[in-house]
């Protein structure tokens, strides 16, 4: 199904401002469809004046549809629908006298010209299913009258307007609560749902005849009205905007759409939605997120403590092998601590792994001797990863980089171990050390679709003769293989570097 922009580019002469006008119109036309109990189809005139293209469609939620098939992308040549031709040529709203029968359903059609400035840029065909029509209720009459006012505004270029809207997830719909107010802001009609919303706010009587702004101010404490100007302008129906009414117990989104079908302000359509439960859930999510971040922060602190204790223990052990084993444990604990620190600062359970990779590289580079350092450089980007994958991948990157430093440049390795500071200190950049480096390790990452390909290439002494990944007893490589193949579900390769120099380690893992 083609989009509005695709159809505009391919078949019309509309410019960017025209498309923006249509986008804003369609942002609100669910309201028009619901008030009309009718389907809406947006038709664009072909740039060769051969006919019309159906660019968008909206069905009502308040009544049966009149269009059972999707029509977006359909072309109607000139002469096929006389009402479209009349509305375009005469630039006025055209109503059909007798209903049109479609699939044994009587349908009343009218065409609304969409005016922007002094030009008609599109047409809206409004089709109402007349099957089962009965005497309309007061609610339905109020709906239809309001829809008629909005149609007049569209045809005269007074709608849509530049309006500030709340998030689409919580903006009110017609069925949530509907009111009409007159030019003075007095309620002339309120739906039962609207009355129920105000009863929850604290209203004891009826809404009809009340000045909505004054009534609401009497029910809402002044300290709950953050923007008095917006509050008053929306509730009086002067501004096309959303506002939120908040009491100790209730939260309500209010949306006003000023009505001026003939140019003069005659009142407004006011929609209400009780979002108390939604706000409560949002507060619970905020509390939950804060709790999760605090847990990550405490885990990071505990891991730092473990790393510090292991480092102290290593200093008291005389055996070089035991000291080296504890030093490796410190480094591994530190890599996990970095992930938890990043998660403690994140808003969601996804982290930017580039930052983690840079900090891991800084931590590993601290192992090399200060006077003849090894330079670790990152190329490419890892992107955002889930916390579970980030933790496992952090261990993999740490082990591979550490192996490259220790075994690629054996003369540069010392017995120093990174402390808790090294495990969580921020990296100064992608290129971790400056000129005068003795060795160079490149950590590269390429994300292609649902796969992440990582390479670590060094220019060190290379692999020993007869090396086999399957036959290796190195603890670090065993950890890497287990994490990559079992936990991350990826593949690990290890071999000679480019041009026969150094070592290349390749890791390929799936990502979300």
Protein backbone atom coordinates (compact mmCIF):
# COMPACT_ATOMS: atom_id res chain seq x y z
CA UNK A 1 0.00 0.00 0.00
CA UNK A 2 1.66 3.30 -1.06
CA UNK A 3 2.17 6.10 1.46
CA UNK A 4 0.89 9.66 1.15
CA UNK A 5 4.37 10.97 0.36
CA UNK A 6 4.91 8.33 -2.35
CA UNK A 7 1.62 9.19 -4.05
CA UNK A 8 2.31 12.93 -3.79
CA UNK A 9 5.74 12.59 -5.39
CA UNK A 10 4.56 10.25 -8.13
CA UNK A 11 1.25 11.79 -9.16
CA UNK A 12 0.77 15.39 -7.92
CA UNK A 13 2.29 18.86 -7.91
CA UNK A 14 1.79 19.41 -4.17
CA UNK A 15 4.72 20.97 -2.31
CA UNK A 16 6.12 20.24 1.17
CA UNK A 17 3.83 22.80 2.85
CA UNK A 18 0.79 21.20 1.23
CA UNK A 19 1.84 17.77 2.47
CA UNK A 20 2.39 19.16 5.96
CA UNK A 21 -1.15 20.59 5.87
CA UNK A 22 -2.55 17.19 4.87
CA UNK A 23 -0.49 15.44 7.56
CA UNK A 24 -1.94 17.71 10.23
CA UNK A 25 -5.44 17.19 8.86
CA UNK A 26 -5.04 13.40 8.98
CA UNK A 27 -3.68 13.61 12.51
CA UNK A 28 -7.18 14.72 13.55
CA UNK A 29 -9.46 13.10 11.04
CA UNK A 30 -10.29 10.12 13.26
CA UNK A 31 -12.31 12.71 15.23
CA UNK A 32 -14.15 13.76 12.07
CA UNK A 33 -14.86 10.15 11.05
CA UNK A 34 -16.21 9.31 14.51
CA UNK A 35 -18.38 12.44 14.71
CA UNK A 36 -19.71 11.77 11.20
CA UNK A 37 -20.29 8.03 11.72
CA UNK A 38 -18.66 7.87 8.28
CA UNK A 39 -15.66 6.64 6.32
CA UNK A 40 -13.23 9.26 5.03
CA UNK A 41 -11.07 8.95 1.91
CA UNK A 42 -8.52 11.57 0.91
CA UNK A 43 -8.35 12.09 -2.87
CA UNK A 44 -5.47 13.89 -4.61
CA UNK A 45 -5.80 15.44 -8.06
CA UNK A 46 -3.47 13.93 -10.66
CA UNK A 47 -0.80 16.34 -11.96
CA UNK A 48 -2.02 15.70 -15.53
CA UNK A 49 -5.66 16.34 -14.49
CA UNK A 50 -6.55 12.80 -15.56
CA UNK A 51 -8.35 11.98 -12.31
CA UNK A 52 -7.86 11.38 -8.59
CA UNK A 53 -5.67 9.14 -6.42
CA UNK A 54 -6.89 7.77 -3.07
CA UNK A 55 -4.07 8.75 -0.70
CA UNK A 56 -5.47 7.86 2.74
CA UNK A 57 -8.51 6.28 4.39
CA UNK A 58 -10.12 6.34 7.83
CA UNK A 59 -12.99 4.26 9.19
CA UNK A 60 -15.25 5.32 12.07
CA UNK A 61 -15.18 3.65 15.48
CA UNK A 62 -18.68 4.92 16.30
CA UNK A 63 -20.63 3.19 13.53
CA UNK A 64 -20.54 0.62 10.70
CA UNK A 65 -18.14 1.15 7.82
CA UNK A 66 -19.40 2.00 4.37
CA UNK A 67 -16.19 0.89 2.64
CA UNK A 68 -15.37 -2.76 3.18
CA UNK A 69 -12.19 -2.72 1.07
CA UNK A 70 -9.08 -0.58 1.33
CA UNK A 71 -8.99 1.97 -1.48
CA UNK A 72 -5.60 3.65 -0.87
CA UNK A 73 -3.68 3.71 -4.14
CA UNK A 74 -6.85 3.51 -6.25
CA UNK A 75 -7.13 5.80 -9.28
CA UNK A 76 -10.45 7.28 -10.44
CA UNK A 77 -10.45 8.96 -13.84
CA UNK A 78 -12.29 12.23 -14.39
CA UNK A 79 -15.97 11.55 -15.02
CA UNK A 80 -16.14 8.37 -12.95
CA UNK A 81 -17.33 10.18 -9.79
CA UNK A 82 -19.23 13.34 -10.72
CA UNK A 83 -19.21 14.58 -7.11
CA UNK A 84 -15.40 14.66 -7.05
CA UNK A 85 -15.37 16.62 -10.30
CA UNK A 86 -17.97 19.11 -9.03
CA UNK A 87 -16.22 19.68 -5.70
CA UNK A 88 -12.89 20.22 -7.45
CA UNK A 89 -14.25 22.56 -10.12
CA UNK A 90 -16.64 24.53 -7.91
CA UNK A 91 -14.35 24.41 -4.83
CA UNK A 92 -17.26 23.88 -2.47
CA UNK A 93 -18.79 21.11 -0.39
CA UNK A 94 -20.99 18.80 -2.51
CA UNK A 95 -23.75 16.67 -0.97
CA UNK A 96 -25.49 13.79 -2.72
CA UNK A 97 -29.27 13.71 -2.73
CA UNK A 98 -30.01 10.02 -3.17
CA UNK A 99 -27.91 7.36 -1.48
CA UNK A 100 -25.53 5.22 -3.49
CA UNK A 101 -25.95 1.46 -3.12
CA UNK A 102 -22.74 -0.50 -2.60
CA UNK A 103 -22.81 -4.26 -1.85
CA UNK A 104 -26.53 -3.97 -0.95
CA UNK A 105 -25.76 -1.19 1.53
CA UNK A 106 -27.19 2.34 1.08
CA UNK A 107 -24.38 4.90 1.38
CA UNK A 108 -24.73 8.67 1.54
CA UNK A 109 -21.69 10.44 0.07
CA UNK A 110 -20.50 14.03 0.30
CA UNK A 111 -17.25 15.58 -0.84
CA UNK A 112 -15.36 18.19 1.18
CA UNK A 113 -12.72 20.33 -0.57
CA UNK A 114 -9.51 20.67 1.46
CA UNK A 115 -8.49 24.29 1.18
CA UNK A 116 -5.08 25.73 2.06
CA UNK A 117 -4.94 29.47 1.60
CA UNK A 118 -6.59 30.30 -1.70
CA UNK A 119 -6.16 26.82 -3.23
CA UNK A 120 -7.99 23.51 -2.98
CA UNK A 121 -5.23 20.92 -2.59
CA UNK A 122 -7.27 17.75 -2.04
CA UNK A 123 -10.75 16.34 -1.54
CA UNK A 124 -12.28 14.27 1.27
CA UNK A 125 -15.07 11.89 0.36
CA UNK A 126 -17.26 11.20 3.40
CA UNK A 127 -19.36 8.01 3.06
CA UNK A 128 -22.03 7.14 5.62
CA UNK A 129 -23.54 3.68 5.94
CA UNK A 130 -27.33 4.24 6.13
CA UNK A 131 -28.23 0.65 6.91
CA UNK A 132 -30.40 0.53 10.02
CA UNK A 133 -30.79 4.31 10.26
CA UNK A 134 -33.13 5.33 13.07
CA UNK A 135 -34.18 8.53 14.81
CA UNK A 136 -30.93 10.05 16.10
CA UNK A 137 -30.39 10.70 19.80
CA UNK A 138 -29.22 14.02 21.26
CA UNK A 139 -25.69 12.64 21.37
CA UNK A 140 -25.77 11.67 17.69
CA UNK A 141 -27.25 15.03 16.70
CA UNK A 142 -24.48 16.82 18.59
CA UNK A 143 -21.88 14.61 16.90
CA UNK A 144 -23.24 15.23 13.40
CA UNK A 145 -23.59 19.00 13.91
CA UNK A 146 -20.00 19.22 15.12
CA UNK A 147 -18.81 17.15 12.16
CA UNK A 148 -20.67 19.52 9.83
CA UNK A 149 -18.94 22.51 11.44
CA UNK A 150 -15.54 20.88 11.00
CA UNK A 151 -16.32 20.05 7.37
CA UNK A 152 -17.16 23.71 6.74
CA UNK A 153 -13.88 24.73 8.38
CA UNK A 154 -11.92 22.33 6.14
CA UNK A 155 -13.62 23.66 3.02
CA UNK A 156 -12.86 27.27 4.03
CA UNK A 157 -9.23 26.63 5.02
CA UNK A 158 -9.77 27.11 8.78
CA UNK A 159 -8.85 23.53 9.70
CA UNK A 160 -6.39 22.04 10.58
CA UNK A 161 -4.66 24.53 12.85
CA UNK A 162 -1.20 24.79 14.40
CA UNK A 163 -1.96 22.93 17.61
CA UNK A 164 0.15 21.50 20.39
CA UNK A 165 -0.94 17.94 21.03
CA UNK A 166 -0.31 15.45 23.77
CA UNK A 167 1.18 12.07 23.01
CA UNK A 168 -0.97 10.13 20.53
CA UNK A 169 -1.22 7.30 23.07
CA UNK A 170 -3.25 9.38 25.52
CA UNK A 171 -5.00 11.98 23.36
CA UNK A 172 -8.80 11.88 23.88
CA UNK A 173 -11.14 10.21 21.40
CA UNK A 174 -14.76 11.09 20.70
CA UNK A 175 -16.10 8.15 22.69
CA UNK A 176 -14.04 8.99 25.79
CA UNK A 177 -16.04 12.12 26.56
CA UNK A 178 -17.61 14.77 24.30
CA UNK A 179 -18.80 18.31 25.02
CA UNK A 180 -19.92 21.36 23.05
CA UNK A 181 -19.33 24.80 24.49
CA UNK A 182 -20.56 28.11 23.09
CA UNK A 183 -18.49 31.20 22.30
CA UNK A 184 -18.50 32.19 25.99
CA UNK A 185 -17.26 28.76 27.10
CA UNK A 186 -20.61 27.62 28.44
CA UNK A 187 -21.49 23.93 28.09
CA UNK A 188 -24.37 23.41 25.66
CA UNK A 189 -24.11 19.61 25.55
CA UNK A 190 -22.15 16.95 27.44
CA UNK A 191 -22.13 13.24 26.68
CA UNK A 192 -22.78 10.75 29.50
CA UNK A 193 -19.08 9.78 29.45
CA UNK A 194 -18.03 13.43 29.78
CA UNK A 195 -20.39 13.87 32.71
CA UNK A 196 -18.94 10.75 34.35
CA UNK A 197 -15.42 12.15 34.00
CA UNK A 198 -16.41 15.38 35.74
CA UNK A 199 -18.24 13.46 38.45
CA UNK A 200 -14.92 11.73 39.20
CA UNK A 201 -13.27 15.13 39.45
CA UNK A 202 -15.85 16.18 42.04
CA UNK A 203 -18.87 17.63 40.22
CA UNK A 204 -22.14 17.14 42.10
CA UNK A 205 -24.69 18.50 39.62
CA UNK A 206 -24.96 18.70 35.83
CA UNK A 207 -22.59 20.17 33.24
CA UNK A 208 -25.14 21.76 30.93
CA UNK A 209 -25.25 25.55 31.26
CA UNK A 210 -22.04 25.76 33.30
CA UNK A 211 -19.03 27.90 32.34
CA UNK A 212 -16.52 25.10 31.89
CA UNK A 213 -13.45 27.12 32.89
CA UNK A 214 -14.98 28.51 36.09
CA UNK A 215 -16.45 25.14 37.02
CA UNK A 216 -13.15 23.34 36.57
CA UNK A 217 -11.23 25.96 38.55
CA UNK A 218 -13.64 25.41 41.41
CA UNK A 219 -12.90 21.67 41.36
CA UNK A 220 -9.13 21.76 40.79
CA UNK A 221 -6.83 23.33 43.44
CA UNK A 222 -4.76 26.29 42.22
CA UNK A 223 -1.51 24.49 43.03
CA UNK A 224 -2.52 21.82 40.51
CA UNK A 225 -2.95 24.34 37.67
CA UNK A 226 0.61 24.76 36.44
CA UNK A 227 -0.19 26.98 33.44
CA UNK A 228 -3.23 29.09 34.23
CA UNK A 229 -3.30 30.75 30.80
CA UNK A 230 -3.35 27.45 28.89
CA UNK A 231 -5.77 25.95 31.41
CA UNK A 232 -8.29 28.77 30.91
CA UNK A 233 -7.87 29.06 27.14
CA UNK A 234 -8.41 25.33 26.54
CA UNK A 235 -11.40 24.98 28.86
CA UNK A 236 -13.07 28.05 27.36
CA UNK A 237 -12.58 26.60 23.88
CA UNK A 238 -10.37 29.43 22.64
CA UNK A 239 -7.21 27.39 21.90
CA UNK A 240 -6.81 24.23 19.84
CA UNK A 241 -4.63 22.48 22.36
CA UNK A 242 -4.44 19.77 25.01
CA UNK A 243 -4.33 20.37 28.74
CA UNK A 244 -4.30 18.05 31.73
CA UNK A 245 -6.58 18.37 34.75
CA UNK A 246 -4.95 16.85 37.82
CA UNK A 247 -6.41 16.43 41.30
CA UNK A 248 -5.21 14.29 44.17
CA UNK A 249 -7.19 11.36 42.82
CA UNK A 250 -7.86 11.92 39.11
CA UNK A 251 -5.94 12.86 35.93
CA UNK A 252 -7.90 13.95 32.84
CA UNK A 253 -6.67 14.99 29.40
CA UNK A 254 -8.80 17.79 27.91
CA UNK A 255 -8.63 18.69 24.25
CA UNK A 256 -10.37 21.69 22.75
CA UNK A 257 -10.99 22.28 19.04
CA UNK A 258 -12.34 25.81 18.40
CA UNK A 259 -15.19 25.90 15.89
CA UNK A 260 -15.59 28.67 13.32
CA UNK A 261 -17.37 27.18 10.32
CA UNK A 262 -18.06 30.59 8.75
CA UNK A 263 -15.00 32.40 10.06
CA UNK A 264 -16.40 33.61 13.40
CA UNK A 265 -15.78 31.72 16.64
CA UNK A 266 -19.03 30.01 17.65
CA UNK A 267 -17.71 27.73 20.38
CA UNK A 268 -15.65 24.58 20.59
CA UNK A 269 -15.59 20.82 20.60
CA UNK A 270 -14.10 19.58 23.89
CA UNK A 271 -12.93 15.99 24.30
CA UNK A 272 -12.10 14.39 27.65
CA UNK A 273 -10.23 11.27 28.63
CA UNK A 274 -9.71 9.91 32.14
CA UNK A 275 -6.04 8.86 32.21
CA UNK A 276 -5.82 8.17 35.95
CA UNK A 277 -4.90 4.51 35.51
CA UNK A 278 -2.46 5.36 32.71
CA UNK A 279 -0.64 7.92 34.88
CA UNK A 280 -0.55 5.47 37.78
CA UNK A 281 1.07 2.84 35.57
CA UNK A 282 3.55 5.43 34.30
CA UNK A 283 4.51 6.29 37.87
CA UNK A 284 4.93 2.59 38.65
CA UNK A 285 7.19 2.18 35.61
CA UNK A 286 9.28 5.18 36.67
CA UNK A 287 9.63 3.71 40.17
CA UNK A 288 10.50 0.32 38.71
CA UNK A 289 13.11 1.82 36.39
CA UNK A 290 14.68 3.73 39.27
CA UNK A 291 14.76 0.55 41.36
CA UNK A 292 16.42 -1.41 38.56
CA UNK A 293 19.05 1.29 38.08
CA UNK A 294 19.74 1.32 41.80
CA UNK A 295 20.17 -2.47 41.76
CA UNK A 296 22.68 -2.19 38.90
CA UNK A 297 24.52 0.51 40.84
CA UNK A 298 24.74 -1.67 43.96
CA UNK A 299 25.85 -4.70 41.93
CA UNK A 300 28.59 -2.56 40.41
CA UNK A 301 29.71 -1.43 43.87
CA UNK A 302 29.74 -5.01 45.14
CA UNK A 303 31.77 -6.15 42.15
CA UNK A 304 34.27 -3.37 42.79
CA UNK A 305 34.57 -4.57 46.37
CA UNK A 306 35.16 -8.14 45.19
CA UNK A 307 37.81 -6.91 42.74
CA UNK A 308 39.55 -4.94 45.49
CA UNK A 309 39.58 -7.96 47.83
CA UNK A 310 41.00 -10.19 45.11
CA UNK A 311 43.69 -7.64 44.36
CA UNK A 312 44.65 -7.45 48.04
CA UNK A 313 44.77 -11.21 48.20
CA UNK A 314 46.98 -11.33 45.09
CA UNK A 315 49.51 -9.01 46.74
CA UNK A 316 49.88 -11.42 49.70
CA UNK A 317 50.50 -14.50 47.56
CA UNK A 318 54.07 -15.36 46.66
CA UNK A 319 53.28 -17.86 43.92
CA UNK A 320 53.45 -16.12 40.51
CA UNK A 321 50.88 -18.53 39.03
CA UNK A 322 48.38 -17.88 41.80
CA UNK A 323 48.97 -14.13 41.61
CA UNK A 324 48.39 -14.19 37.84
CA UNK A 325 45.16 -16.17 38.28
CA UNK A 326 43.82 -13.65 40.80
CA UNK A 327 44.87 -10.81 38.53
CA UNK A 328 42.82 -12.31 35.69
CA UNK A 329 39.86 -12.72 38.05
CA UNK A 330 40.11 -9.02 38.97
CA UNK A 331 39.99 -8.08 35.31
CA UNK A 332 36.97 -10.31 34.60
CA UNK A 333 35.05 -8.97 37.57
CA UNK A 334 35.93 -5.45 36.43
CA UNK A 335 34.51 -6.02 32.95
CA UNK A 336 31.16 -7.09 34.41
CA UNK A 337 31.22 -4.07 36.75
CA UNK A 338 31.54 -1.75 33.75
CA UNK A 339 28.36 -3.17 32.22
CA UNK A 340 26.40 -2.75 35.45
CA UNK A 341 27.64 0.81 35.89
CA UNK A 342 26.46 1.67 32.38
CA UNK A 343 23.09 0.04 33.09
CA UNK A 344 22.76 2.02 36.32
CA UNK A 345 22.84 5.22 34.24
CA UNK A 346 20.62 4.00 31.40
CA UNK A 347 16.92 4.76 31.11
CA UNK A 348 16.11 1.33 29.64
CA UNK A 349 17.58 -2.15 29.68
CA UNK A 350 19.59 -1.50 26.50
CA UNK A 351 23.08 -0.03 26.56
CA UNK A 352 25.37 1.64 24.07
CA UNK A 353 28.10 -0.97 23.82
CA UNK A 354 30.56 1.41 22.14
CA UNK A 355 31.06 3.17 25.46
CA UNK A 356 31.55 -0.16 27.23
CA UNK A 357 34.02 -1.36 24.60
CA UNK A 358 36.13 1.80 24.96
CA UNK A 359 36.25 1.44 28.73
CA UNK A 360 37.13 -2.24 28.50
CA UNK A 361 39.95 -1.40 26.12
CA UNK A 362 41.25 1.22 28.55
CA UNK A 363 41.12 -1.30 31.38
CA UNK A 364 43.06 -3.91 29.37
CA UNK A 365 45.63 -1.38 28.16
CA UNK A 366 46.49 -0.62 31.79
CA UNK A 367 48.00 -4.08 32.00
CA UNK A 368 50.80 -3.19 29.58
CA UNK A 369 53.95 -1.48 30.78
CA UNK A 370 53.73 2.30 31.06
CA UNK A 371 56.97 3.03 29.18
CA UNK A 372 56.19 0.79 26.17
CA UNK A 373 52.40 0.72 25.89
CA UNK A 374 50.15 -1.11 23.47
CA UNK A 375 47.65 1.00 21.60
CA UNK A 376 44.07 -0.30 21.35
CA UNK A 377 41.90 1.32 18.71
CA UNK A 378 38.19 0.82 18.06
CA UNK A 379 36.68 1.02 14.57
CA UNK A 380 33.00 0.83 13.67
CA UNK A 381 30.11 0.64 16.11
CA UNK A 382 28.50 -2.10 18.17
CA UNK A 383 25.16 -0.30 18.56
CA UNK A 384 22.73 -0.85 21.43
CA UNK A 385 22.50 -4.26 23.08
CA UNK A 386 20.34 -5.81 25.79
CA UNK A 387 21.86 -6.06 29.25
CA UNK A 388 22.17 -9.86 29.02
CA UNK A 389 24.05 -9.80 25.72
CA UNK A 390 26.15 -6.82 26.82
CA UNK A 391 27.39 -8.65 29.92
CA UNK A 392 28.43 -11.76 27.98
CA UNK A 393 29.97 -9.74 25.15
CA UNK A 394 31.91 -7.60 27.61
CA UNK A 395 33.57 -10.73 28.96
CA UNK A 396 34.38 -11.89 25.42
CA UNK A 397 35.93 -8.57 24.39
CA UNK A 398 37.94 -8.36 27.59
CA UNK A 399 39.37 -11.86 27.25
CA UNK A 400 40.25 -11.47 23.57
CA UNK A 401 41.92 -8.09 24.11
CA UNK A 402 43.80 -9.38 27.15
CA UNK A 403 45.03 -12.41 25.20
CA UNK A 404 46.20 -10.11 22.41
CA UNK A 405 48.19 -7.98 24.89
CA UNK A 406 49.67 -10.84 26.87
CA UNK A 407 50.48 -13.30 24.07
CA UNK A 408 50.97 -10.90 21.17
CA UNK A 409 53.42 -8.69 23.08
CA UNK A 410 54.89 -10.89 25.83
CA UNK A 411 57.80 -8.55 26.50
CA UNK A 412 55.43 -5.70 27.38
CA UNK A 413 53.30 -7.55 29.94
CA UNK A 414 53.75 -6.80 33.61
CA UNK A 415 52.16 -8.28 36.70
CA UNK A 416 50.16 -5.15 37.44
CA UNK A 417 46.42 -5.57 37.71
CA UNK A 418 43.68 -3.02 37.13
CA UNK A 419 42.02 -1.88 40.27
CA UNK A 420 38.44 -0.91 40.84
CA UNK A 421 39.29 2.52 39.45
CA UNK A 422 40.48 1.06 36.15
CA UNK A 423 37.42 -1.15 35.92
CA UNK A 424 35.01 1.75 35.97
CA UNK A 425 36.98 4.77 34.78
CA UNK A 426 35.77 6.43 31.58
CA UNK A 427 37.78 5.96 28.41
CA UNK A 428 39.22 9.16 27.00
CA UNK A 429 38.35 8.21 23.41
CA UNK A 430 38.48 5.55 20.76
CA UNK A 431 42.25 5.85 20.28
CA UNK A 432 43.31 5.03 23.80
CA UNK A 433 47.02 5.92 23.75
CA UNK A 434 49.03 8.45 21.79
CA UNK A 435 52.17 8.45 19.66
CA UNK A 436 55.14 6.26 20.51
CA UNK A 437 53.08 3.05 20.84
CA UNK A 438 55.00 -0.17 20.53
CA UNK A 439 52.08 -2.37 19.50
CA UNK A 440 48.70 -1.81 17.86
CA UNK A 441 45.48 -3.73 18.40
CA UNK A 442 42.37 -2.92 16.35
CA UNK A 443 38.95 -3.76 17.75
CA UNK A 444 36.38 -3.46 14.95
CA UNK A 445 32.62 -3.99 14.91
CA UNK A 446 30.19 -4.13 12.00
CA UNK A 447 26.45 -4.56 12.47
CA UNK A 448 24.71 -6.02 9.43
CA UNK A 449 21.02 -6.76 9.80
CA UNK A 450 20.55 -9.10 12.75
CA UNK A 451 24.25 -10.04 13.02
CA UNK A 452 27.17 -8.35 14.78
CA UNK A 453 30.64 -9.14 13.43
CA UNK A 454 33.58 -8.34 15.72
CA UNK A 455 37.28 -8.62 14.95
CA UNK A 456 40.36 -8.14 17.11
CA UNK A 457 43.55 -7.88 15.03
CA UNK A 458 47.01 -7.30 16.52
CA UNK A 459 50.46 -6.85 14.98
CA UNK A 460 52.18 -8.97 17.62
CA UNK A 461 54.22 -12.17 17.43
CA UNK A 462 51.31 -14.24 16.12
CA UNK A 463 50.08 -17.69 17.07
CA UNK A 464 52.54 -20.42 18.10
CA UNK A 465 53.31 -23.18 15.65
CA UNK A 466 50.71 -25.91 15.62
CA UNK A 467 48.09 -23.80 17.45
CA UNK A 468 44.57 -25.23 17.39
CA UNK A 469 41.55 -23.50 18.89
CA UNK A 470 39.89 -26.84 19.56
CA UNK A 471 42.99 -28.17 21.32
CA UNK A 472 43.76 -25.04 23.35
CA UNK A 473 43.69 -25.36 27.16
CA UNK A 474 43.91 -21.60 27.78
CA UNK A 475 41.28 -20.61 30.36
CA UNK A 476 40.56 -17.28 28.70
CA UNK A 477 39.90 -18.90 25.32
CA UNK A 478 37.72 -21.53 26.97
CA UNK A 479 35.63 -18.77 28.55
CA UNK A 480 35.36 -16.97 25.22
CA UNK A 481 34.27 -20.11 23.34
CA UNK A 482 31.65 -20.96 25.96
CA UNK A 483 30.20 -17.45 25.97
CA UNK A 484 30.21 -17.01 22.19
CA UNK A 485 28.87 -20.42 21.22
CA UNK A 486 26.60 -21.32 24.14
CA UNK A 487 25.33 -18.05 25.60
CA UNK A 488 25.46 -15.73 22.58
CA UNK A 489 24.72 -18.39 19.95
CA UNK A 490 27.54 -17.21 17.68
CA UNK A 491 30.74 -18.38 16.05
CA UNK A 492 34.40 -17.91 16.98
CA UNK A 493 37.37 -18.05 14.61
CA UNK A 494 41.06 -17.50 15.34
CA UNK A 495 43.96 -17.40 12.91
CA UNK A 496 46.82 -15.51 11.34
CA UNK A 497 46.53 -11.76 10.91
CA UNK A 498 46.51 -9.84 7.63
CA UNK A 499 49.66 -10.19 5.50
CA UNK A 500 50.79 -12.97 7.80
CA UNK A 501 51.46 -10.60 10.73
CA UNK A 502 49.99 -10.97 14.22
CA UNK A 503 46.70 -12.65 15.13
CA UNK A 504 43.08 -12.20 14.04
CA UNK A 505 40.13 -13.23 16.20
CA UNK A 506 36.65 -13.05 14.63
CA UNK A 507 33.39 -13.27 16.56
CA UNK A 508 30.00 -13.35 14.84
CA UNK A 509 26.86 -13.24 17.01
CA UNK A 510 23.14 -12.58 16.46
CA UNK A 511 21.67 -9.40 17.92
CA UNK A 512 18.11 -8.24 18.51
